[in-house]
Amino acid sequence: MTPAWLAQLDGALDKRELIKVSILQNADETTSEVKEFIESQSTIQVVQTIGRVLVLFKVSDLPENRDLSTQVEKI
């Protein structure tokens, strides 16, 4: 868990808005530690945790990539 890794997540979310991240079984950090790090160091939201998989969401900074967030606003 580094600022560079967080920047990569942020970049991926700018393109897709919703991604899944798997935490390896042999990782030193727990899923809750990774969740806490992501949410405390960025504007990324962890919307669901399934075992060692985190589902992440962030409204894209690029208006042309805001497909999911636009659909959610309409609900």
PDB file of N, CA and C in Angstrom:
ATOM      1  N   MET A   1       0.842  -1.165   0.000  1.00  0.00           N
ATOM      2  CA  MET A   1       0.000   0.000   0.000  1.00  0.00           C
ATOM      3  C   MET A   1       0.894   1.237   0.000  1.00  0.00           C
ATOM      4  N   THR A   2       0.949   1.855  -1.158  1.00  0.00           N
ATOM      5  CA  THR A   2       1.770   3.045  -1.330  1.00  0.00           C
ATOM      6  C   THR A   2       0.960   4.123  -2.048  1.00  0.00           C
ATOM      7  N   PRO A   3       1.432   5.362  -2.013  1.00  0.00           N
ATOM      8  CA  PRO A   3       0.757   6.422  -2.771  1.00  0.00           C
ATOM      9  C   PRO A   3       0.711   6.124  -4.275  1.00  0.00           C
ATOM     10  N   ALA A   4       1.731   5.461  -4.804  1.00  0.00           N
ATOM     11  CA  ALA A   4       1.741   5.113  -6.228  1.00  0.00           C
ATOM     12  C   ALA A   4       0.635   4.107  -6.545  1.00  0.00           C
ATOM     13  N   TRP A   5       0.430   3.129  -5.672  1.00  0.00           N
ATOM     14  CA  TRP A   5      -0.631   2.141  -5.860  1.00  0.00           C
ATOM     15  C   TRP A   5      -1.993   2.819  -5.809  1.00  0.00           C
ATOM     16  N   LEU A   6      -2.149   3.749  -4.877  1.00  0.00           N
ATOM     17  CA  LEU A   6      -3.398   4.485  -4.748  1.00  0.00           C
ATOM     18  C   LEU A   6      -3.646   5.341  -5.986  1.00  0.00           C
ATOM     19  N   ALA A   7      -2.602   5.919  -6.548  1.00  0.00           N
ATOM     20  CA  ALA A   7      -2.727   6.716  -7.772  1.00  0.00           C
ATOM     21  C   ALA A   7      -3.163   5.837  -8.948  1.00  0.00           C
ATOM     22  N   GLN A   8      -2.676   4.605  -8.998  1.00  0.00           N
ATOM     23  CA  GLN A   8      -3.099   3.683 -10.055  1.00  0.00           C
ATOM     24  C   GLN A   8      -4.580   3.331  -9.917  1.00  0.00           C
ATOM     25  N   LEU A   9      -5.030   3.103  -8.685  1.00  0.00           N
ATOM     26  CA  LEU A   9      -6.451   2.846  -8.455  1.00  0.00           C
ATOM     27  C   LEU A   9      -7.289   4.034  -8.900  1.00  0.00           C
ATOM     28  N   ASP A  10      -6.838   5.227  -8.534  1.00  0.00           N
ATOM     29  CA  ASP A  10      -7.555   6.441  -8.887  1.00  0.00           C
ATOM     30  C   ASP A  10      -7.653   6.593 -10.406  1.00  0.00           C
ATOM     31  N   GLY A  11      -6.569   6.323 -11.110  1.00  0.00           N
ATOM     32  CA  GLY A  11      -6.564   6.400 -12.567  1.00  0.00           C
ATOM     33  C   GLY A  11      -7.502   5.396 -13.203  1.00  0.00           C
ATOM     34  N   ALA A  12      -7.516   4.175 -12.676  1.00  0.00           N
ATOM     35  CA  ALA A  12      -8.415   3.147 -13.194  1.00  0.00           C
ATOM     36  C   ALA A  12      -9.875   3.524 -12.954  1.00  0.00           C
ATOM     37  N   LEU A  13     -10.151   4.121 -11.798  1.00  0.00           N
ATOM     38  CA  LEU A  13     -11.515   4.525 -11.485  1.00  0.00           C
ATOM     39  C   LEU A  13     -11.962   5.723 -12.311  1.00  0.00           C
ATOM     40  N   ASP A  14     -11.038   6.558 -12.754  1.00  0.00           N
ATOM     41  CA  ASP A  14     -11.396   7.664 -13.639  1.00  0.00           C
ATOM     42  C   ASP A  14     -11.900   7.146 -14.984  1.00  0.00           C
ATOM     43  N   LYS A  15     -11.457   5.966 -15.374  1.00  0.00           N
ATOM     44  CA  LYS A  15     -11.899   5.383 -16.642  1.00  0.00           C
ATOM     45  C   LYS A  15     -13.155   4.547 -16.496  1.00  0.00           C
ATOM     46  N   ARG A  16     -13.338   3.896 -15.340  1.00  0.00           N
ATOM     47  CA  ARG A  16     -14.434   2.928 -15.204  1.00  0.00           C
ATOM     48  C   ARG A  16     -15.430   3.236 -14.090  1.00  0.00           C
ATOM     49  N   GLU A  17     -15.048   3.985 -13.089  1.00  0.00           N
ATOM     50  CA  GLU A  17     -15.845   4.360 -11.919  1.00  0.00           C
ATOM     51  C   GLU A  17     -16.097   3.218 -10.934  1.00  0.00           C
ATOM     52  N   LEU A  18     -16.066   1.981 -11.361  1.00  0.00           N
ATOM     53  CA  LEU A  18     -16.334   0.851 -10.476  1.00  0.00           C
ATOM     54  C   LEU A  18     -15.381  -0.283 -10.833  1.00  0.00           C
ATOM     55  N   ILE A  19     -14.594  -0.740  -9.840  1.00  0.00           N
ATOM     56  CA  ILE A  19     -13.660  -1.840 -10.082  1.00  0.00           C
ATOM     57  C   ILE A  19     -13.622  -2.764  -8.871  1.00  0.00           C
ATOM     58  N   LYS A  20     -13.134  -3.974  -9.104  1.00  0.00           N
ATOM     59  CA  LYS A  20     -12.912  -4.937  -8.024  1.00  0.00           C
ATOM     60  C   LYS A  20     -11.411  -5.108  -7.843  1.00  0.00           C
ATOM     61  N   VAL A  21     -10.992  -5.185  -6.586  1.00  0.00           N
ATOM     62  CA  VAL A  21      -9.587  -5.401  -6.248  1.00  0.00           C
ATOM     63  C   VAL A  21      -9.506  -6.619  -5.347  1.00  0.00           C
ATOM     64  N   SER A  22      -8.697  -7.589  -5.738  1.00  0.00           N
ATOM     65  CA  SER A  22      -8.510  -8.792  -4.928  1.00  0.00           C
ATOM     66  C   SER A  22      -7.255  -8.657  -4.076  1.00  0.00           C
ATOM     67  N   ILE A  23      -7.378  -8.992  -2.805  1.00  0.00           N
ATOM     68  CA  ILE A  23      -6.248  -8.997  -1.885  1.00  0.00           C
ATOM     69  C   ILE A  23      -5.723 -10.437  -1.853  1.00  0.00           C
ATOM     70  N   LEU A  24      -4.463 -10.619  -2.178  1.00  0.00           N
ATOM     71  CA  LEU A  24      -3.882 -11.956  -2.219  1.00  0.00           C
ATOM     72  C   LEU A  24      -3.889 -12.617  -0.844  1.00  0.00           C
ATOM     73  N   GLN A  25      -3.984 -13.929  -0.839  1.00  0.00           N
ATOM     74  CA  GLN A  25      -4.007 -14.689   0.409  1.00  0.00           C
ATOM     75  C   GLN A  25      -2.730 -14.493   1.223  1.00  0.00           C
ATOM     76  N   ASN A  26      -1.599 -14.304   0.547  1.00  0.00           N
ATOM     77  CA  ASN A  26      -0.329 -14.156   1.261  1.00  0.00           C
ATOM     78  C   ASN A  26       0.040 -12.691   1.518  1.00  0.00           C
ATOM     79  N   ALA A  27      -0.899 -11.773   1.356  1.00  0.00           N
ATOM     80  CA  ALA A  27      -0.636 -10.357   1.606  1.00  0.00           C
ATOM     81  C   ALA A  27      -0.432 -10.114   3.101  1.00  0.00           C
ATOM     82  N   ASP A  28       0.439  -9.171   3.416  1.00  0.00           N
ATOM     83  CA  ASP A  28       0.714  -8.836   4.816  1.00  0.00           C
ATOM     84  C   ASP A  28      -0.440  -8.077   5.469  1.00  0.00           C
ATOM     85  N   GLU A  29      -1.220  -7.352   4.651  1.00  0.00           N
ATOM     86  CA  GLU A  29      -2.319  -6.549   5.169  1.00  0.00           C
ATOM     87  C   GLU A  29      -3.633  -7.321   5.107  1.00  0.00           C
ATOM     88  N   THR A  30      -4.520  -7.018   6.039  1.00  0.00           N
ATOM     89  CA  THR A  30      -5.854  -7.615   6.013  1.00  0.00           C
ATOM     90  C   THR A  30      -6.751  -6.784   5.102  1.00  0.00           C
ATOM     91  N   THR A  31      -7.887  -7.342   4.770  1.00  0.00           N
ATOM     92  CA  THR A  31      -8.841  -6.631   3.929  1.00  0.00           C
ATOM     93  C   THR A  31      -9.309  -5.345   4.596  1.00  0.00           C
ATOM     94  N   SER A  32      -9.548  -5.390   5.885  1.00  0.00           N
ATOM     95  CA  SER A  32     -10.000  -4.186   6.598  1.00  0.00           C
ATOM     96  C   SER A  32      -8.909  -3.116   6.638  1.00  0.00           C
ATOM     97  N   GLU A  33      -7.640  -3.505   6.731  1.00  0.00           N
ATOM     98  CA  GLU A  33      -6.551  -2.533   6.704  1.00  0.00           C
ATOM     99  C   GLU A  33      -6.449  -1.856   5.341  1.00  0.00           C
ATOM    100  N   VAL A  34      -6.625  -2.633   4.276  1.00  0.00           N
ATOM    101  CA  VAL A  34      -6.584  -2.072   2.927  1.00  0.00           C
ATOM    102  C   VAL A  34      -7.763  -1.123   2.733  1.00  0.00           C
ATOM    103  N   LYS A  35      -8.937  -1.528   3.189  1.00  0.00           N
ATOM    104  CA  LYS A  35     -10.132  -0.681   3.087  1.00  0.00           C
ATOM    105  C   LYS A  35      -9.917   0.642   3.815  1.00  0.00           C
ATOM    106  N   GLU A  36      -9.418   0.574   5.028  1.00  0.00           N
ATOM    107  CA  GLU A  36      -9.180   1.777   5.824  1.00  0.00           C
ATOM    108  C   GLU A  36      -8.159   2.695   5.145  1.00  0.00           C
ATOM    109  N   PHE A  37      -7.087   2.120   4.595  1.00  0.00           N
ATOM    110  CA  PHE A  37      -6.058   2.905   3.906  1.00  0.00           C
ATOM    111  C   PHE A  37      -6.641   3.625   2.693  1.00  0.00           C
ATOM    112  N   ILE A  38      -7.405   2.912   1.876  1.00  0.00           N
ATOM    113  CA  ILE A  38      -7.984   3.507   0.673  1.00  0.00           C
ATOM    114  C   ILE A  38      -8.922   4.650   1.030  1.00  0.00           C
ATOM    115  N   GLU A  39      -9.821   4.417   1.976  1.00  0.00           N
ATOM    116  CA  GLU A  39     -10.812   5.432   2.314  1.00  0.00           C
ATOM    117  C   GLU A  39     -10.216   6.629   3.051  1.00  0.00           C
ATOM    118  N   SER A  40      -9.163   6.414   3.827  1.00  0.00           N
ATOM    119  CA  SER A  40      -8.576   7.531   4.568  1.00  0.00           C
ATOM    120  C   SER A  40      -7.616   8.370   3.728  1.00  0.00           C
ATOM    121  N   GLN A  41      -7.063   7.789   2.674  1.00  0.00           N
ATOM    122  CA  GLN A  41      -6.052   8.492   1.877  1.00  0.00           C
ATOM    123  C   GLN A  41      -6.573   9.005   0.532  1.00  0.00           C
ATOM    124  N   SER A  42      -7.868   8.775   0.219  1.00  0.00           N
ATOM    125  CA  SER A  42      -8.387   9.179  -1.085  1.00  0.00           C
ATOM    126  C   SER A  42      -9.887   9.434  -1.000  1.00  0.00           C
ATOM    127  N   THR A  43     -10.471   9.793  -2.140  1.00  0.00           N
ATOM    128  CA  THR A  43     -11.918   9.986  -2.221  1.00  0.00           C
ATOM    129  C   THR A  43     -12.615   8.729  -2.741  1.00  0.00           C
ATOM    130  N   ILE A  44     -11.888   7.641  -2.831  1.00  0.00           N
ATOM    131  CA  ILE A  44     -12.435   6.364  -3.291  1.00  0.00           C
ATOM    132  C   ILE A  44     -13.282   5.749  -2.174  1.00  0.00           C
ATOM    133  N   GLN A  45     -14.438   5.216  -2.553  1.00  0.00           N
ATOM    134  CA  GLN A  45     -15.322   4.560  -1.592  1.00  0.00           C
ATOM    135  C   GLN A  45     -15.266   3.047  -1.782  1.00  0.00           C
ATOM    136  N   VAL A  46     -15.163   2.322  -0.691  1.00  0.00           N
ATOM    137  CA  VAL A  46     -15.277   0.870  -0.739  1.00  0.00           C
ATOM    138  C   VAL A  46     -16.760   0.579  -0.530  1.00  0.00           C
ATOM    139  N   VAL A  47     -17.434   0.149  -1.600  1.00  0.00           N
ATOM    140  CA  VAL A  47     -18.883  -0.039  -1.532  1.00  0.00           C
ATOM    141  C   VAL A  47     -19.284  -1.442  -1.111  1.00  0.00           C
ATOM    142  N   GLN A  48     -18.363  -2.398  -1.242  1.00  0.00           N
ATOM    143  CA  GLN A  48     -18.680  -3.766  -0.826  1.00  0.00           C
ATOM    144  C   GLN A  48     -17.396  -4.541  -0.594  1.00  0.00           C
ATOM    145  N   THR A  49     -17.440  -5.437   0.384  1.00  0.00           N
ATOM    146  CA  THR A  49     -16.339  -6.352   0.649  1.00  0.00           C
ATOM    147  C   THR A  49     -16.896  -7.768   0.601  1.00  0.00           C
ATOM    148  N   ILE A  50     -16.295  -8.589  -0.245  1.00  0.00           N
ATOM    149  CA  ILE A  50     -16.711  -9.982  -0.366  1.00  0.00           C
ATOM    150  C   ILE A  50     -15.456 -10.826  -0.154  1.00  0.00           C
ATOM    151  N   GLY A  51     -15.313 -11.385   1.032  1.00  0.00           N
ATOM    152  CA  GLY A  51     -14.103 -12.147   1.346  1.00  0.00           C
ATOM    153  C   GLY A  51     -12.877 -11.241   1.261  1.00  0.00           C
ATOM    154  N   ARG A  52     -11.975 -11.543   0.333  1.00  0.00           N
ATOM    155  CA  ARG A  52     -10.771 -10.746   0.160  1.00  0.00           C
ATOM    156  C   ARG A  52     -10.848  -9.867  -1.091  1.00  0.00           C
ATOM    157  N   VAL A  53     -12.075  -9.582  -1.526  1.00  0.00           N
ATOM    158  CA  VAL A  53     -12.294  -8.734  -2.701  1.00  0.00           C
ATOM    159  C   VAL A  53     -12.992  -7.451  -2.264  1.00  0.00           C
ATOM    160  N   LEU A  54     -12.442  -6.314  -2.700  1.00  0.00           N
ATOM    161  CA  LEU A  54     -13.039  -5.011  -2.427  1.00  0.00           C
ATOM    162  C   LEU A  54     -13.637  -4.476  -3.715  1.00  0.00           C
ATOM    163  N   VAL A  55     -14.851  -3.964  -3.636  1.00  0.00           N
ATOM    164  CA  VAL A  55     -15.473  -3.293  -4.769  1.00  0.00           C
ATOM    165  C   VAL A  55     -15.348  -1.796  -4.507  1.00  0.00           C
ATOM    166  N   LEU A  56     -14.681  -1.096  -5.428  1.00  0.00           N
ATOM    167  CA  LEU A  56     -14.377   0.323  -5.252  1.00  0.00           C
ATOM    168  C   LEU A  56     -15.176   1.181  -6.222  1.00  0.00           C
ATOM    169  N   PHE A  57     -15.576   2.368  -5.761  1.00  0.00           N
ATOM    170  CA  PHE A  57     -16.307   3.317  -6.597  1.00  0.00           C
ATOM    171  C   PHE A  57     -15.759   4.714  -6.385  1.00  0.00           C
ATOM    172  N   LYS A  58     -15.699   5.459  -7.478  1.00  0.00           N
ATOM    173  CA  LYS A  58     -15.340   6.875  -7.423  1.00  0.00           C
ATOM    174  C   LYS A  58     -15.928   7.538  -8.659  1.00  0.00           C
ATOM    175  N   VAL A  59     -16.571   8.682  -8.464  1.00  0.00           N
ATOM    176  CA  VAL A  59     -17.089   9.436  -9.600  1.00  0.00           C
ATOM    177  C   VAL A  59     -15.901   9.900 -10.426  1.00  0.00           C
ATOM    178  N   SER A  60     -15.960   9.649 -11.721  1.00  0.00           N
ATOM    179  CA  SER A  60     -14.852   9.995 -12.609  1.00  0.00           C
ATOM    180  C   SER A  60     -14.645  11.506 -12.670  1.00  0.00           C
ATOM    181  N   ASP A  61     -13.391  11.917 -12.732  1.00  0.00           N
ATOM    182  CA  ASP A  61     -13.062  13.325 -12.918  1.00  0.00           C
ATOM    183  C   ASP A  61     -13.327  13.763 -14.354  1.00  0.00           C
ATOM    184  N   LEU A  62     -13.454  12.798 -15.257  1.00  0.00           N
ATOM    185  CA  LEU A  62     -13.673  13.076 -16.668  1.00  0.00           C
ATOM    186  C   LEU A  62     -15.163  12.937 -16.994  1.00  0.00           C
ATOM    187  N   PRO A  63     -15.833  14.024 -17.388  1.00  0.00           N
ATOM    188  CA  PRO A  63     -17.284  13.966 -17.635  1.00  0.00           C
ATOM    189  C   PRO A  63     -17.706  12.893 -18.640  1.00  0.00           C
ATOM    190  N   GLU A  64     -16.886  12.612 -19.640  1.00  0.00           N
ATOM    191  CA  GLU A  64     -17.261  11.615 -20.649  1.00  0.00           C
ATOM    192  C   GLU A  64     -17.235  10.187 -20.105  1.00  0.00           C
ATOM    193  N   ASN A  65     -16.629   9.981 -18.944  1.00  0.00           N
ATOM    194  CA  ASN A  65     -16.553   8.646 -18.335  1.00  0.00           C
ATOM    195  C   ASN A  65     -17.522   8.459 -17.170  1.00  0.00           C
ATOM    196  N   ARG A  66     -18.441   9.377 -16.983  1.00  0.00           N
ATOM    197  CA  ARG A  66     -19.363   9.314 -15.840  1.00  0.00           C
ATOM    198  C   ARG A  66     -20.648   8.553 -16.157  1.00  0.00           C
ATOM    199  N   ASP A  67     -20.538   7.406 -16.718  1.00  0.00           N
ATOM    200  CA  ASP A  67     -21.693   6.605 -17.093  1.00  0.00           C
ATOM    201  C   ASP A  67     -22.432   6.057 -15.872  1.00  0.00           C
ATOM    202  N   LEU A  68     -21.733   5.375 -14.991  1.00  0.00           N
ATOM    203  CA  LEU A  68     -22.374   4.761 -13.819  1.00  0.00           C
ATOM    204  C   LEU A  68     -22.919   5.811 -12.851  1.00  0.00           C
ATOM    205  N   SER A  69     -22.123   6.835 -12.561  1.00  0.00           N
ATOM    206  CA  SER A  69     -22.582   7.844 -11.593  1.00  0.00           C
ATOM    207  C   SER A  69     -23.785   8.606 -12.128  1.00  0.00           C
ATOM    208  N   THR A  70     -23.867   8.815 -13.432  1.00  0.00           N
ATOM    209  CA  THR A  70     -25.030   9.476 -14.030  1.00  0.00           C
ATOM    210  C   THR A  70     -26.261   8.606 -13.886  1.00  0.00           C
ATOM    211  N   GLN A  71     -26.121   7.309 -14.097  1.00  0.00           N
ATOM    212  CA  GLN A  71     -27.265   6.398 -13.945  1.00  0.00           C
ATOM    213  C   GLN A  71     -27.730   6.319 -12.506  1.00  0.00           C
ATOM    214  N   VAL A  72     -26.800   6.325 -11.563  1.00  0.00           N
ATOM    215  CA  VAL A  72     -27.153   6.248 -10.146  1.00  0.00           C
ATOM    216  C   VAL A  72     -27.876   7.508  -9.708  1.00  0.00           C
ATOM    217  N   GLU A  73     -27.488   8.667 -10.221  1.00  0.00           N
ATOM    218  CA  GLU A  73     -28.159   9.921  -9.859  1.00  0.00           C
ATOM    219  C   GLU A  73     -29.626   9.916 -10.254  1.00  0.00           C
ATOM    220  N   LYS A  74     -29.949   9.211 -11.339  1.00  0.00           N
ATOM    221  CA  LYS A  74     -31.326   9.178 -11.821  1.00  0.00           C
ATOM    222  C   LYS A  74     -32.245   8.316 -10.962  1.00  0.00           C
ATOM    223  N   ILE A  75     -31.651   7.451 -10.165  1.00  0.00           N
ATOM    224  CA  ILE A  75     -32.461   6.533  -9.332  1.00  0.00           C
ATOM    225  C   ILE A  75     -33.024   7.266  -8.137  1.00  0.00           C
TER     226      ILE A  75
END
